Amino acid sequence: MNWRHRIVLRRNVPSTWREAWRELIDRARRTVTDGLVVGTSGNLSVRVDDTVLVTPTGVPYERLGPADLLAVDLTGRPRAGSLAPTSELPMHLAIYGATDATAVVHTHAVHATAVSTLVDELPAIHYMTAALGGPVRVAPYATYGSEELATHMLAALRDRTGCLLRNHGTIVHGRSLRQAYDNTAQLEWMCRLWLTATAVPGRTPTLLPPEELTKVATKLRTYGQR
């Protein structure tokens, strides 16, 4: 779709879109300050009913404001905004079509990307592995923005809420943007932990068994303040 010829401007967008867009911009800017992306790499989206608000391609997050709100439907057709969406829109739409997720965060975090080049799965190095559904799989490499990459990603996400993308980065979905973002940060931390532990000569990291991850997953459902 050529977005230069499909400009859609809706001045009276729903208030729910405006609120979601503000949070999306805030989280997008945090990916830079938290070191999860460099420049304009990475992208985020949130789903509001049958609409997806998504970051645009090639625009630094600090330059985004309320007037840049960008929305598409679940097939990718434009609903609001004049900017072209992220080139990784196929991955976002694939997740919304296959899960009940309401938010997706994709980053090029350095430790996670490094791990994606070394193994086919990040093992259970820490109990927060349970927050993502289990050991984190690595999706085979495919060109960015391609349907092939989206297909590989969905397979790696089976029974998981996050995966690594070979020689590329991470993608995590959640029931809220905060959850997706927090689990993205946890995934990067676990990758850094695994790289640190495996770098010790002559030593092999201990891993957590599946039954412990199941126990932790149950505890996490009631974790925190209500």
N, C-alpha and C. Protein backbone atom coordinates (compact mmCIF):
# COMPACT_ATOMS: atom_id res chain seq x y z
N MET A 1 0.85 -1.20 0.00
CA MET A 1 0.00 0.00 0.00
C MET A 1 0.88 1.24 0.00
N ASN A 2 0.63 2.16 -0.92
CA ASN A 2 1.41 3.38 -1.01
C ASN A 2 0.78 4.45 -0.13
N TRP A 3 1.40 4.68 1.03
CA TRP A 3 0.82 5.62 1.99
C TRP A 3 0.90 7.06 1.53
N ARG A 4 1.77 7.36 0.62
CA ARG A 4 1.85 8.74 0.13
C ARG A 4 0.57 9.13 -0.60
N HIS A 5 -0.15 8.14 -1.07
CA HIS A 5 -1.39 8.41 -1.80
C HIS A 5 -2.62 7.97 -1.01
N ARG A 6 -2.40 7.58 0.27
CA ARG A 6 -3.52 7.12 1.09
C ARG A 6 -3.54 7.89 2.41
N ILE A 7 -3.43 9.22 2.34
CA ILE A 7 -3.45 10.04 3.54
C ILE A 7 -4.87 10.10 4.11
N VAL A 8 -4.99 9.77 5.38
CA VAL A 8 -6.28 9.79 6.04
C VAL A 8 -6.16 10.63 7.30
N LEU A 9 -6.92 11.69 7.39
CA LEU A 9 -6.90 12.56 8.55
C LEU A 9 -8.27 12.62 9.18
N ARG A 10 -8.36 12.23 10.46
CA ARG A 10 -9.63 12.29 11.17
C ARG A 10 -9.42 13.17 12.39
N ARG A 11 -10.01 14.36 12.33
CA ARG A 11 -9.80 15.31 13.42
C ARG A 11 -10.53 14.88 14.68
N ASN A 12 -11.65 14.22 14.53
CA ASN A 12 -12.45 13.84 15.69
C ASN A 12 -12.26 12.36 16.00
N VAL A 13 -11.02 11.97 16.30
CA VAL A 13 -10.76 10.58 16.64
C VAL A 13 -11.26 10.32 18.06
N PRO A 14 -11.62 9.08 18.36
CA PRO A 14 -12.13 8.76 19.70
C PRO A 14 -11.12 9.10 20.80
N SER A 15 -11.63 9.46 21.96
CA SER A 15 -10.74 9.81 23.07
C SER A 15 -9.90 8.61 23.49
N THR A 16 -10.43 7.40 23.31
CA THR A 16 -9.65 6.21 23.66
C THR A 16 -8.41 6.09 22.77
N TRP A 17 -8.52 6.52 21.53
CA TRP A 17 -7.35 6.50 20.63
C TRP A 17 -6.31 7.50 21.12
N ARG A 18 -6.77 8.70 21.49
CA ARG A 18 -5.83 9.74 21.93
C ARG A 18 -5.07 9.30 23.18
N GLU A 19 -5.80 8.70 24.13
CA GLU A 19 -5.16 8.23 25.36
C GLU A 19 -4.16 7.12 25.07
N ALA A 20 -4.55 6.18 24.22
CA ALA A 20 -3.65 5.08 23.86
C ALA A 20 -2.43 5.60 23.12
N TRP A 21 -2.61 6.60 22.27
CA TRP A 21 -1.50 7.16 21.51
C TRP A 21 -0.49 7.85 22.43
N ARG A 22 -0.98 8.57 23.44
CA ARG A 22 -0.09 9.22 24.39
C ARG A 22 0.78 8.19 25.11
N GLU A 23 0.15 7.11 25.55
CA GLU A 23 0.91 6.06 26.24
C GLU A 23 1.90 5.40 25.29
N LEU A 24 1.47 5.20 24.04
CA LEU A 24 2.35 4.56 23.05
C LEU A 24 3.61 5.40 22.82
N ILE A 25 3.45 6.72 22.70
CA ILE A 25 4.60 7.61 22.49
C ILE A 25 5.52 7.57 23.71
N ASP A 26 4.93 7.61 24.91
CA ASP A 26 5.74 7.57 26.13
C ASP A 26 6.59 6.30 26.19
N ARG A 27 5.96 5.17 25.90
CA ARG A 27 6.70 3.90 25.95
C ARG A 27 7.73 3.82 24.84
N ALA A 28 7.39 4.34 23.67
CA ALA A 28 8.34 4.33 22.55
C ALA A 28 9.59 5.12 22.92
N ARG A 29 9.42 6.27 23.56
CA ARG A 29 10.57 7.07 23.96
C ARG A 29 11.39 6.35 25.02
N ARG A 30 10.74 5.57 25.87
CA ARG A 30 11.46 4.82 26.89
C ARG A 30 12.34 3.74 26.28
N THR A 31 11.95 3.18 25.14
CA THR A 31 12.79 2.15 24.52
C THR A 31 14.16 2.72 24.17
N VAL A 32 14.20 4.01 23.86
CA VAL A 32 15.48 4.65 23.56
C VAL A 32 16.26 4.92 24.83
N THR A 33 15.62 5.55 25.82
CA THR A 33 16.32 5.89 27.06
C THR A 33 16.74 4.65 27.84
N ASP A 34 15.99 3.56 27.70
CA ASP A 34 16.34 2.31 28.39
C ASP A 34 17.31 1.45 27.58
N GLY A 35 17.73 1.93 26.43
CA GLY A 35 18.73 1.23 25.65
C GLY A 35 18.23 0.01 24.90
N LEU A 36 16.92 -0.06 24.65
CA LEU A 36 16.35 -1.21 23.95
C LEU A 36 16.38 -1.04 22.43
N VAL A 37 16.49 0.20 21.97
CA VAL A 37 16.59 0.47 20.53
C VAL A 37 17.61 1.56 20.30
N VAL A 38 18.05 1.69 19.05
CA VAL A 38 18.96 2.75 18.64
C VAL A 38 18.32 3.47 17.47
N GLY A 39 18.29 4.79 17.53
CA GLY A 39 17.71 5.57 16.44
C GLY A 39 16.23 5.28 16.27
N THR A 40 15.84 4.91 15.05
CA THR A 40 14.43 4.65 14.76
C THR A 40 14.14 3.16 14.65
N SER A 41 15.05 2.33 15.16
CA SER A 41 14.80 0.89 15.13
C SER A 41 13.75 0.52 16.16
N GLY A 42 13.11 -0.64 15.97
CA GLY A 42 12.07 -1.08 16.88
C GLY A 42 10.75 -0.38 16.60
N ASN A 43 9.67 -0.91 17.15
CA ASN A 43 8.34 -0.34 16.94
C ASN A 43 7.38 -0.90 17.97
N LEU A 44 6.28 -0.16 18.20
CA LEU A 44 5.28 -0.54 19.18
C LEU A 44 3.89 -0.34 18.60
N SER A 45 2.93 -1.06 19.17
CA SER A 45 1.53 -0.86 18.78
C SER A 45 0.61 -1.23 19.92
N VAL A 46 -0.59 -0.68 19.88
CA VAL A 46 -1.65 -1.05 20.81
C VAL A 46 -2.94 -1.25 20.02
N ARG A 47 -3.74 -2.19 20.50
CA ARG A 47 -5.03 -2.45 19.86
C ARG A 47 -6.15 -1.84 20.68
N VAL A 48 -7.01 -1.08 20.03
CA VAL A 48 -8.20 -0.52 20.67
C VAL A 48 -9.40 -1.02 19.86
N ASP A 49 -10.08 -2.02 20.39
CA ASP A 49 -11.18 -2.68 19.68
C ASP A 49 -10.68 -3.23 18.34
N ASP A 50 -11.21 -2.73 17.23
CA ASP A 50 -10.81 -3.26 15.91
C ASP A 50 -9.79 -2.35 15.21
N THR A 51 -9.12 -1.50 16.00
CA THR A 51 -8.15 -0.56 15.46
C THR A 51 -6.79 -0.76 16.11
N VAL A 52 -5.74 -0.60 15.32
CA VAL A 52 -4.37 -0.73 15.83
C VAL A 52 -3.66 0.61 15.67
N LEU A 53 -3.20 1.17 16.78
CA LEU A 53 -2.36 2.36 16.76
C LEU A 53 -0.91 1.89 16.74
N VAL A 54 -0.13 2.41 15.82
CA VAL A 54 1.22 1.89 15.63
C VAL A 54 2.20 3.01 15.33
N THR A 55 3.44 2.83 15.76
CA THR A 55 4.46 3.84 15.49
C THR A 55 4.79 3.88 14.00
N PRO A 56 5.14 5.05 13.48
CA PRO A 56 5.45 5.18 12.05
C PRO A 56 6.86 4.72 11.73
N THR A 57 7.15 4.57 10.47
CA THR A 57 8.48 4.17 10.05
C THR A 57 9.41 5.37 9.90
N GLY A 58 10.63 5.22 10.38
CA GLY A 58 11.67 6.22 10.13
C GLY A 58 11.51 7.56 10.81
N VAL A 59 10.73 7.64 11.89
CA VAL A 59 10.54 8.92 12.59
C VAL A 59 11.05 8.77 14.02
N PRO A 60 12.02 9.58 14.45
CA PRO A 60 12.50 9.52 15.83
C PRO A 60 11.34 9.74 16.80
N TYR A 61 11.31 8.96 17.86
CA TYR A 61 10.17 9.02 18.77
C TYR A 61 10.01 10.36 19.46
N GLU A 62 11.12 11.08 19.67
CA GLU A 62 10.99 12.38 20.34
C GLU A 62 10.28 13.41 19.48
N ARG A 63 10.16 13.12 18.18
CA ARG A 63 9.48 14.05 17.28
C ARG A 63 7.98 13.77 17.16
N LEU A 64 7.51 12.66 17.73
CA LEU A 64 6.10 12.31 17.63
C LEU A 64 5.27 13.09 18.64
N GLY A 65 4.09 13.52 18.21
CA GLY A 65 3.17 14.22 19.08
C GLY A 65 1.74 13.80 18.83
N PRO A 66 0.78 14.42 19.50
CA PRO A 66 -0.63 14.06 19.34
C PRO A 66 -1.11 14.12 17.90
N ALA A 67 -0.61 15.08 17.12
CA ALA A 67 -1.08 15.25 15.74
C ALA A 67 -0.58 14.14 14.82
N ASP A 68 0.36 13.32 15.29
CA ASP A 68 0.93 12.26 14.45
C ASP A 68 0.23 10.93 14.65
N LEU A 69 -0.89 10.91 15.36
CA LEU A 69 -1.61 9.67 15.62
C LEU A 69 -1.78 8.87 14.33
N LEU A 70 -1.41 7.60 14.39
CA LEU A 70 -1.42 6.72 13.23
C LEU A 70 -2.21 5.46 13.56
N ALA A 71 -3.25 5.19 12.79
CA ALA A 71 -4.12 4.04 13.07
C ALA A 71 -4.43 3.26 11.79
N VAL A 72 -4.50 1.94 11.94
CA VAL A 72 -4.90 1.06 10.84
C VAL A 72 -5.93 0.08 11.37
N ASP A 73 -6.65 -0.57 10.46
CA ASP A 73 -7.55 -1.62 10.91
C ASP A 73 -6.78 -2.93 11.00
N LEU A 74 -7.46 -4.01 11.32
CA LEU A 74 -6.78 -5.28 11.56
C LEU A 74 -6.24 -5.93 10.29
N THR A 75 -6.54 -5.34 9.14
CA THR A 75 -5.97 -5.82 7.88
C THR A 75 -4.87 -4.90 7.39
N GLY A 76 -4.61 -3.82 8.13
CA GLY A 76 -3.56 -2.89 7.76
C GLY A 76 -4.02 -1.69 6.96
N ARG A 77 -5.32 -1.58 6.69
CA ARG A 77 -5.80 -0.42 5.94
C ARG A 77 -5.82 0.81 6.84
N PRO A 78 -5.42 1.97 6.31
CA PRO A 78 -5.32 3.18 7.14
C PRO A 78 -6.67 3.66 7.65
N ARG A 79 -6.67 4.09 8.90
CA ARG A 79 -7.87 4.66 9.51
C ARG A 79 -7.64 6.11 9.95
N ALA A 80 -6.41 6.43 10.29
CA ALA A 80 -6.09 7.81 10.68
C ALA A 80 -4.60 8.03 10.57
N GLY A 81 -4.23 9.24 10.18
CA GLY A 81 -2.82 9.61 10.14
C GLY A 81 -2.28 9.76 8.74
N SER A 82 -1.23 10.56 8.61
CA SER A 82 -0.62 10.82 7.31
C SER A 82 0.74 10.15 7.16
N LEU A 83 1.31 9.61 8.26
CA LEU A 83 2.60 8.94 8.20
C LEU A 83 2.44 7.47 7.83
N ALA A 84 3.46 6.91 7.19
CA ALA A 84 3.45 5.49 6.86
C ALA A 84 3.76 4.68 8.12
N PRO A 85 3.11 3.56 8.32
CA PRO A 85 3.35 2.76 9.53
C PRO A 85 4.69 2.04 9.46
N THR A 86 5.12 1.50 10.58
CA THR A 86 6.35 0.73 10.65
C THR A 86 6.38 -0.36 9.59
N SER A 87 7.56 -0.64 9.08
CA SER A 87 7.71 -1.72 8.09
C SER A 87 7.41 -3.08 8.70
N GLU A 88 7.42 -3.17 10.03
CA GLU A 88 7.14 -4.44 10.70
C GLU A 88 5.65 -4.62 11.01
N LEU A 89 4.79 -3.84 10.37
CA LEU A 89 3.35 -3.97 10.59
C LEU A 89 2.86 -5.41 10.41
N PRO A 90 3.37 -6.19 9.43
CA PRO A 90 2.90 -7.58 9.30
C PRO A 90 3.05 -8.40 10.58
N MET A 91 4.13 -8.20 11.34
CA MET A 91 4.30 -8.94 12.58
C MET A 91 3.25 -8.53 13.61
N HIS A 92 3.01 -7.24 13.73
CA HIS A 92 2.02 -6.76 14.69
C HIS A 92 0.63 -7.31 14.36
N LEU A 93 0.24 -7.20 13.10
CA LEU A 93 -1.09 -7.67 12.70
C LEU A 93 -1.21 -9.18 12.86
N ALA A 94 -0.14 -9.91 12.60
CA ALA A 94 -0.17 -11.37 12.76
C ALA A 94 -0.45 -11.73 14.22
N ILE A 95 0.16 -11.02 15.15
CA ILE A 95 -0.07 -11.29 16.57
C ILE A 95 -1.50 -10.98 16.96
N TYR A 96 -2.03 -9.83 16.51
CA TYR A 96 -3.41 -9.49 16.85
C TYR A 96 -4.41 -10.46 16.22
N GLY A 97 -4.05 -11.02 15.07
CA GLY A 97 -4.94 -11.97 14.43
C GLY A 97 -4.92 -13.34 15.07
N ALA A 98 -3.84 -13.68 15.79
CA ALA A 98 -3.69 -15.02 16.34
C ALA A 98 -3.86 -15.09 17.86
N THR A 99 -3.87 -13.94 18.54
CA THR A 99 -3.93 -13.93 19.99
C THR A 99 -4.94 -12.88 20.47
N ASP A 100 -5.11 -12.82 21.79
CA ASP A 100 -5.97 -11.79 22.38
C ASP A 100 -5.15 -10.61 22.89
N ALA A 101 -3.93 -10.48 22.40
CA ALA A 101 -3.05 -9.40 22.84
C ALA A 101 -3.64 -8.04 22.51
N THR A 102 -3.31 -7.05 23.33
CA THR A 102 -3.72 -5.68 23.07
C THR A 102 -2.52 -4.75 22.92
N ALA A 103 -1.31 -5.31 22.96
CA ALA A 103 -0.11 -4.49 22.78
C ALA A 103 1.04 -5.36 22.30
N VAL A 104 1.91 -4.75 21.48
CA VAL A 104 3.09 -5.44 20.95
C VAL A 104 4.28 -4.50 21.02
N VAL A 105 5.42 -5.01 21.49
CA VAL A 105 6.67 -4.24 21.55
C VAL A 105 7.75 -5.02 20.82
N HIS A 106 8.39 -4.37 19.85
CA HIS A 106 9.49 -4.98 19.10
C HIS A 106 10.73 -4.12 19.28
N THR A 107 11.85 -4.73 19.69
CA THR A 107 13.08 -3.97 19.91
C THR A 107 14.27 -4.66 19.24
N HIS A 108 15.38 -3.92 19.20
CA HIS A 108 16.65 -4.44 18.73
C HIS A 108 17.65 -4.47 19.90
N ALA A 109 17.17 -4.85 21.07
CA ALA A 109 18.00 -4.85 22.28
C ALA A 109 19.28 -5.67 22.06
N VAL A 110 20.40 -5.14 22.49
CA VAL A 110 21.70 -5.70 22.11
C VAL A 110 21.95 -7.10 22.66
N HIS A 111 21.66 -7.35 23.94
CA HIS A 111 21.94 -8.66 24.51
C HIS A 111 21.00 -9.73 23.94
N ALA A 112 19.75 -9.37 23.78
CA ALA A 112 18.80 -10.31 23.21
C ALA A 112 19.16 -10.64 21.76
N THR A 113 19.56 -9.63 21.01
CA THR A 113 19.94 -9.86 19.62
C THR A 113 21.19 -10.73 19.55
N ALA A 114 22.12 -10.51 20.46
CA ALA A 114 23.32 -11.34 20.50
C ALA A 114 22.96 -12.80 20.77
N VAL A 115 22.07 -13.03 21.73
CA VAL A 115 21.65 -14.40 22.05
C VAL A 115 20.98 -15.05 20.85
N SER A 116 20.22 -14.27 20.09
CA SER A 116 19.51 -14.82 18.93
C SER A 116 20.45 -15.39 17.88
N THR A 117 21.71 -14.97 17.92
CA THR A 117 22.70 -15.46 16.95
C THR A 117 23.43 -16.70 17.45
N LEU A 118 23.21 -17.07 18.71
CA LEU A 118 24.00 -18.14 19.33
C LEU A 118 23.24 -19.44 19.57
N VAL A 119 21.95 -19.33 19.88
CA VAL A 119 21.18 -20.53 20.28
C VAL A 119 19.81 -20.52 19.59
N ASP A 120 19.12 -21.64 19.68
CA ASP A 120 17.76 -21.74 19.15
C ASP A 120 16.71 -21.46 20.20
N GLU A 121 17.16 -21.33 21.45
CA GLU A 121 16.22 -21.08 22.55
C GLU A 121 16.98 -20.53 23.74
N LEU A 122 16.45 -19.48 24.34
CA LEU A 122 17.01 -18.98 25.59
C LEU A 122 16.49 -19.87 26.71
N PRO A 123 17.36 -20.63 27.38
CA PRO A 123 16.88 -21.57 28.40
C PRO A 123 16.39 -20.86 29.66
N ALA A 124 15.85 -21.65 30.57
CA ALA A 124 15.26 -21.11 31.81
C ALA A 124 16.36 -20.75 32.80
N ILE A 125 17.05 -19.66 32.54
CA ILE A 125 18.14 -19.19 33.36
C ILE A 125 17.64 -18.47 34.62
N HIS A 126 16.37 -18.04 34.59
CA HIS A 126 15.79 -17.29 35.72
C HIS A 126 14.30 -17.58 35.77
N TYR A 127 13.73 -17.44 36.97
CA TYR A 127 12.31 -17.79 37.10
C TYR A 127 11.37 -16.87 36.32
N MET A 128 11.84 -15.65 35.94
CA MET A 128 10.97 -14.78 35.15
C MET A 128 10.75 -15.30 33.73
N THR A 129 11.44 -16.39 33.39
CA THR A 129 11.14 -17.09 32.14
C THR A 129 9.66 -17.46 32.10
N ALA A 130 9.09 -17.74 33.27
CA ALA A 130 7.68 -18.13 33.35
C ALA A 130 6.75 -17.02 32.88
N ALA A 131 7.16 -15.76 33.02
CA ALA A 131 6.31 -14.64 32.62
C ALA A 131 6.08 -14.62 31.11
N LEU A 132 6.99 -15.27 30.37
CA LEU A 132 6.86 -15.32 28.91
C LEU A 132 6.32 -16.66 28.42
N GLY A 133 5.98 -17.53 29.36
CA GLY A 133 5.38 -18.81 28.99
C GLY A 133 6.34 -19.97 28.97
N GLY A 134 7.63 -19.73 29.18
CA GLY A 134 8.62 -20.80 29.16
C GLY A 134 9.87 -20.36 28.43
N PRO A 135 10.82 -21.28 28.23
CA PRO A 135 12.05 -20.96 27.50
C PRO A 135 11.73 -20.23 26.19
N VAL A 136 12.47 -19.18 25.93
CA VAL A 136 12.15 -18.27 24.82
C VAL A 136 12.77 -18.78 23.52
N ARG A 137 11.93 -19.10 22.55
CA ARG A 137 12.40 -19.64 21.27
C ARG A 137 12.98 -18.53 20.39
N VAL A 138 13.81 -18.94 19.44
CA VAL A 138 14.37 -18.03 18.45
C VAL A 138 13.73 -18.34 17.10
N ALA A 139 13.06 -17.36 16.51
CA ALA A 139 12.45 -17.53 15.20
C ALA A 139 13.53 -17.47 14.12
N PRO A 140 13.46 -18.34 13.11
CA PRO A 140 14.46 -18.31 12.03
C PRO A 140 14.51 -16.94 11.36
N TYR A 141 15.66 -16.63 10.81
CA TYR A 141 15.84 -15.34 10.16
C TYR A 141 15.01 -15.22 8.89
N ALA A 142 14.47 -14.04 8.67
CA ALA A 142 13.83 -13.67 7.41
C ALA A 142 13.95 -12.16 7.29
N THR A 143 13.87 -11.64 6.08
CA THR A 143 14.02 -10.21 5.84
C THR A 143 13.00 -9.41 6.64
N TYR A 144 13.43 -8.32 7.20
CA TYR A 144 12.53 -7.50 8.03
C TYR A 144 11.33 -7.02 7.20
N GLY A 145 10.19 -6.94 7.85
CA GLY A 145 8.97 -6.47 7.20
C GLY A 145 8.29 -7.48 6.30
N SER A 146 8.82 -8.69 6.22
CA SER A 146 8.26 -9.69 5.30
C SER A 146 7.20 -10.56 5.98
N GLU A 147 6.32 -11.12 5.16
CA GLU A 147 5.32 -12.05 5.67
C GLU A 147 6.01 -13.32 6.17
N GLU A 148 7.14 -13.66 5.55
CA GLU A 148 7.90 -14.84 5.99
C GLU A 148 8.36 -14.68 7.43
N LEU A 149 8.83 -13.49 7.77
CA LEU A 149 9.26 -13.23 9.14
C LEU A 149 8.08 -13.34 10.10
N ALA A 150 6.93 -12.79 9.71
CA ALA A 150 5.74 -12.87 10.55
C ALA A 150 5.33 -14.32 10.79
N THR A 151 5.46 -15.16 9.77
CA THR A 151 5.12 -16.58 9.90
C THR A 151 6.08 -17.28 10.85
N HIS A 152 7.38 -17.05 10.69
CA HIS A 152 8.37 -17.63 11.60
C HIS A 152 8.10 -17.18 13.04
N MET A 153 7.77 -15.91 13.20
CA MET A 153 7.54 -15.36 14.53
C MET A 153 6.37 -16.04 15.21
N LEU A 154 5.25 -16.22 14.49
CA LEU A 154 4.07 -16.85 15.09
C LEU A 154 4.38 -18.27 15.56
N ALA A 155 5.17 -19.00 14.80
CA ALA A 155 5.54 -20.36 15.21
C ALA A 155 6.35 -20.33 16.50
N ALA A 156 7.28 -19.38 16.61
CA ALA A 156 8.10 -19.27 17.81
C ALA A 156 7.29 -18.80 19.01
N LEU A 157 6.21 -18.09 18.77
CA LEU A 157 5.36 -17.57 19.85
C LEU A 157 4.31 -18.56 20.33
N ARG A 158 4.25 -19.73 19.75
CA ARG A 158 3.24 -20.72 20.16
C ARG A 158 3.38 -20.98 21.66
N ASP A 159 2.29 -20.74 22.41
CA ASP A 159 2.27 -20.90 23.86
C ASP A 159 3.25 -19.99 24.58
N ARG A 160 3.66 -18.92 23.92
CA ARG A 160 4.57 -17.96 24.53
C ARG A 160 4.05 -16.54 24.27
N THR A 161 4.53 -15.59 25.06
CA THR A 161 4.18 -14.19 24.81
C THR A 161 5.38 -13.38 24.31
N GLY A 162 6.49 -14.06 24.08
CA GLY A 162 7.66 -13.38 23.55
C GLY A 162 8.60 -14.34 22.87
N CYS A 163 9.37 -13.84 21.92
CA CYS A 163 10.38 -14.66 21.26
C CYS A 163 11.52 -13.77 20.80
N LEU A 164 12.62 -14.41 20.43
CA LEU A 164 13.74 -13.72 19.81
C LEU A 164 13.64 -13.92 18.31
N LEU A 165 14.13 -12.95 17.57
CA LEU A 165 14.16 -13.01 16.11
C LEU A 165 15.62 -13.11 15.68
N ARG A 166 15.97 -14.18 14.99
CA ARG A 166 17.37 -14.44 14.64
C ARG A 166 18.03 -13.24 13.96
N ASN A 167 19.20 -12.83 14.51
CA ASN A 167 19.97 -11.71 13.94
C ASN A 167 19.13 -10.44 13.78
N HIS A 168 18.18 -10.24 14.69
CA HIS A 168 17.24 -9.12 14.50
C HIS A 168 16.87 -8.46 15.83
N GLY A 169 16.25 -9.19 16.75
CA GLY A 169 15.82 -8.55 17.99
C GLY A 169 14.80 -9.36 18.76
N THR A 170 13.85 -8.65 19.38
CA THR A 170 12.82 -9.30 20.20
C THR A 170 11.44 -8.83 19.78
N ILE A 171 10.44 -9.64 20.12
CA ILE A 171 9.06 -9.18 20.00
C ILE A 171 8.27 -9.82 21.14
N VAL A 172 7.49 -9.00 21.83
CA VAL A 172 6.74 -9.42 23.00
C VAL A 172 5.35 -8.82 22.92
N HIS A 173 4.33 -9.61 23.25
CA HIS A 173 2.97 -9.07 23.31
C HIS A 173 2.39 -9.25 24.70
N GLY A 174 1.34 -8.49 24.99
CA GLY A 174 0.74 -8.57 26.31
C GLY A 174 -0.68 -8.07 26.33
N ARG A 175 -1.28 -8.14 27.51
CA ARG A 175 -2.66 -7.68 27.69
C ARG A 175 -2.72 -6.17 27.90
N SER A 176 -1.56 -5.56 28.03
CA SER A 176 -1.46 -4.10 28.13
C SER A 176 -0.10 -3.70 27.60
N LEU A 177 0.05 -2.42 27.27
CA LEU A 177 1.34 -1.94 26.79
C LEU A 177 2.38 -2.01 27.90
N ARG A 178 1.96 -1.73 29.12
CA ARG A 178 2.90 -1.81 30.24
C ARG A 178 3.42 -3.23 30.41
N GLN A 179 2.53 -4.22 30.33
CA GLN A 179 2.95 -5.60 30.49
C GLN A 179 3.92 -6.01 29.37
N ALA A 180 3.58 -5.66 28.14
CA ALA A 180 4.45 -6.01 27.01
C ALA A 180 5.81 -5.35 27.16
N TYR A 181 5.82 -4.09 27.60
CA TYR A 181 7.08 -3.38 27.76
C TYR A 181 7.91 -3.98 28.90
N ASP A 182 7.28 -4.20 30.03
CA ASP A 182 8.01 -4.75 31.18
C ASP A 182 8.60 -6.12 30.86
N ASN A 183 7.85 -6.96 30.15
CA ASN A 183 8.36 -8.28 29.81
C ASN A 183 9.47 -8.19 28.75
N THR A 184 9.41 -7.17 27.91
CA THR A 184 10.50 -6.93 26.96
C THR A 184 11.78 -6.61 27.72
N ALA A 185 11.68 -5.74 28.71
CA ALA A 185 12.84 -5.38 29.53
C ALA A 185 13.36 -6.59 30.29
N GLN A 186 12.45 -7.43 30.81
CA GLN A 186 12.86 -8.65 31.50
C GLN A 186 13.59 -9.60 30.56
N LEU A 187 13.11 -9.72 29.33
CA LEU A 187 13.74 -10.61 28.36
C LEU A 187 15.16 -10.14 28.06
N GLU A 188 15.35 -8.85 27.86
CA GLU A 188 16.69 -8.32 27.62
C GLU A 188 17.59 -8.59 28.81
N TRP A 189 17.08 -8.42 30.03
CA TRP A 189 17.87 -8.68 31.23
C TRP A 189 18.25 -10.15 31.33
N MET A 190 17.32 -11.05 31.03
CA MET A 190 17.63 -12.48 31.09
C MET A 190 18.67 -12.88 30.05
N CYS A 191 18.61 -12.25 28.88
CA CYS A 191 19.63 -12.53 27.86
C CYS A 191 21.00 -12.06 28.33
N ARG A 192 21.03 -10.91 28.96
CA ARG A 192 22.30 -10.41 29.50
C ARG A 192 22.81 -11.34 30.59
N LEU A 193 21.90 -11.83 31.44
CA LEU A 193 22.26 -12.76 32.51
C LEU A 193 22.85 -14.05 31.92
N TRP A 194 22.20 -14.58 30.89
CA TRP A 194 22.65 -15.83 30.28
C TRP A 194 24.03 -15.65 29.65
N LEU A 195 24.23 -14.55 28.95
CA LEU A 195 25.52 -14.29 28.33
C LEU A 195 26.62 -14.16 29.39
N THR A 196 26.29 -13.51 30.51
CA THR A 196 27.27 -13.34 31.58
C THR A 196 27.63 -14.68 32.21
N ALA A 197 26.61 -15.50 32.48
CA ALA A 197 26.85 -16.79 33.13
C ALA A 197 27.63 -17.75 32.23
N THR A 198 27.30 -17.78 30.95
CA THR A 198 27.96 -18.71 30.03
C THR A 198 29.37 -18.26 29.66
N ALA A 199 29.73 -17.03 30.02
CA ALA A 199 31.06 -16.52 29.69
C ALA A 199 32.11 -16.96 30.69
N VAL A 200 31.69 -17.57 31.80
CA VAL A 200 32.64 -18.03 32.82
C VAL A 200 33.29 -19.33 32.34
N PRO A 201 34.59 -19.36 32.14
CA PRO A 201 35.26 -20.56 31.62
C PRO A 201 35.09 -21.78 32.54
N GLY A 202 34.78 -22.90 31.94
CA GLY A 202 34.71 -24.15 32.69
C GLY A 202 33.47 -24.31 33.53
N ARG A 203 32.53 -23.40 33.43
CA ARG A 203 31.31 -23.49 34.25
C ARG A 203 30.08 -23.52 33.35
N THR A 204 29.05 -24.23 33.78
CA THR A 204 27.79 -24.31 33.04
C THR A 204 26.67 -23.82 33.94
N PRO A 205 25.87 -22.85 33.50
CA PRO A 205 24.79 -22.32 34.36
C PRO A 205 23.77 -23.40 34.71
N THR A 206 23.27 -23.36 35.94
CA THR A 206 22.14 -24.22 36.30
C THR A 206 20.88 -23.64 35.69
N LEU A 207 19.93 -24.51 35.36
CA LEU A 207 18.67 -24.09 34.75
C LEU A 207 17.50 -24.56 35.60
N LEU A 208 16.39 -23.87 35.49
CA LEU A 208 15.21 -24.23 36.26
C LEU A 208 14.39 -25.27 35.52
N PRO A 209 13.86 -26.28 36.23
CA PRO A 209 13.05 -27.32 35.59
C PRO A 209 11.65 -26.82 35.25
N PRO A 210 10.96 -27.49 34.33
CA PRO A 210 9.61 -27.07 33.92
C PRO A 210 8.63 -26.96 35.08
N GLU A 211 8.72 -27.89 36.06
CA GLU A 211 7.77 -27.85 37.18
C GLU A 211 7.93 -26.58 38.02
N GLU A 212 9.14 -26.06 38.11
CA GLU A 212 9.35 -24.82 38.85
C GLU A 212 8.77 -23.64 38.09
N LEU A 213 8.92 -23.64 36.77
CA LEU A 213 8.33 -22.57 35.96
C LEU A 213 6.81 -22.58 36.08
N THR A 214 6.22 -23.75 36.13
CA THR A 214 4.77 -23.85 36.31
C THR A 214 4.35 -23.26 37.65
N LYS A 215 5.12 -23.56 38.69
CA LYS A 215 4.82 -23.03 40.02
C LYS A 215 4.93 -21.50 40.03
N VAL A 216 5.97 -20.98 39.41
CA VAL A 216 6.18 -19.53 39.36
C VAL A 216 5.07 -18.86 38.55
N ALA A 217 4.68 -19.47 37.44
CA ALA A 217 3.62 -18.89 36.61
C ALA A 217 2.35 -18.72 37.41
N THR A 218 2.04 -19.67 38.28
CA THR A 218 0.86 -19.57 39.14
C THR A 218 0.99 -18.42 40.12
N LYS A 219 2.17 -18.27 40.73
CA LYS A 219 2.39 -17.20 41.68
C LYS A 219 2.34 -15.83 41.01
N LEU A 220 2.82 -15.74 39.78
CA LEU A 220 2.84 -14.45 39.08
C LEU A 220 1.44 -13.92 38.79
N ARG A 221 0.46 -14.81 38.70
CA ARG A 221 -0.91 -14.37 38.41
C ARG A 221 -1.47 -13.49 39.51
N THR A 222 -0.95 -13.62 40.71
CA THR A 222 -1.45 -12.81 41.83
C THR A 222 -0.35 -11.89 42.38
N TYR A 223 0.70 -11.69 41.60
CA TYR A 223 1.81 -10.84 42.06
C TYR A 223 1.45 -9.38 42.02
N GLY A 224 1.93 -8.60 42.99
CA GLY A 224 1.75 -7.15 43.00
C GLY A 224 0.52 -6.71 43.75
N GLN A 225 0.28 -5.38 43.71
CA GLN A 225 -0.85 -4.78 44.40
C GLN A 225 -2.10 -4.84 43.52
N ARG A 226 -3.23 -5.06 44.13
CA ARG A 226 -4.48 -5.05 43.40
C ARG A 226 -5.00 -3.62 43.31
